[in-house]
Amino acid sequence: MMYMKNIQKELVLFERFYIRRCYDEKTETWYFSVIDIIAALIEQADFKCAQSY
């Protein structure tokens, strides 16, 4: 569980959609939620509809 201490979680606003993201300090890498990105691209407020893509 030591690995989880190095991860920073936050939301970022893209236009009017929130995108979940995490930053891993150990590898200096950002991870974004693919479902949230798809929901923003197809302008779907409900992430359940974006999951079908």
Protein backbone atom coordinates (compact mmCIF):
# COMPACT_ATOMS: atom_id res chain seq x y z
CA MET A 1 0.00 0.00 0.00
CA MET A 2 3.01 2.29 0.08
CA TYR A 3 2.52 2.87 -3.66
CA MET A 4 -0.92 4.47 -3.15
CA LYS A 5 0.55 7.29 -1.05
CA ASN A 6 2.29 8.69 -4.14
CA ILE A 7 -0.94 9.10 -6.13
CA GLN A 8 -2.76 12.43 -6.20
CA LYS A 9 -6.44 12.32 -7.24
CA GLU A 10 -8.46 15.27 -8.48
CA LEU A 11 -11.10 16.45 -10.93
CA VAL A 12 -10.43 18.76 -13.83
CA LEU A 13 -13.10 20.77 -15.63
CA PHE A 14 -13.16 20.39 -19.43
CA GLU A 15 -15.73 22.79 -20.87
CA ARG A 16 -18.70 21.77 -18.66
CA PHE A 17 -17.62 18.16 -17.97
CA TYR A 18 -15.58 16.88 -15.06
CA ILE A 19 -12.75 14.51 -15.96
CA ARG A 20 -11.36 12.28 -13.21
CA ARG A 21 -7.58 12.07 -13.15
CA CYS A 22 -4.77 10.74 -10.98
CA TYR A 23 -1.13 11.71 -10.85
CA ASP A 24 1.50 9.14 -9.94
CA GLU A 25 4.52 10.95 -8.51
CA LYS A 26 6.71 7.87 -8.71
CA THR A 27 6.41 7.56 -12.50
CA GLU A 28 5.44 11.21 -13.08
CA THR A 29 2.41 10.10 -15.11
CA TRP A 30 -1.15 11.42 -15.37
CA TYR A 31 -4.00 8.90 -15.70
CA PHE A 32 -7.39 10.07 -17.02
CA SER A 33 -10.77 8.35 -16.96
CA VAL A 34 -11.52 7.21 -20.51
CA ILE A 35 -15.26 7.09 -19.81
CA ASP A 36 -15.24 10.72 -18.66
CA ILE A 37 -13.33 11.79 -21.78
CA ILE A 38 -15.75 9.95 -24.07
CA ALA A 39 -18.71 11.52 -22.25
CA ALA A 40 -17.21 14.98 -22.86
CA LEU A 41 -16.50 14.26 -26.53
CA ILE A 42 -20.03 13.01 -27.26
CA GLU A 43 -21.47 15.68 -24.95
CA GLN A 44 -23.29 13.13 -22.80
CA ALA A 45 -23.99 14.21 -19.22
CA ASP A 46 -24.63 10.64 -18.02
CA PHE A 47 -21.46 8.53 -17.92
CA LYS A 48 -23.58 5.35 -18.16
CA CYS A 49 -24.41 6.22 -21.78
CA ALA A 50 -20.73 6.86 -22.50
CA GLN A 51 -19.83 3.37 -21.26
CA SER A 52 -21.47 1.83 -24.33
CA TYR A 53 -18.79 3.41 -26.51
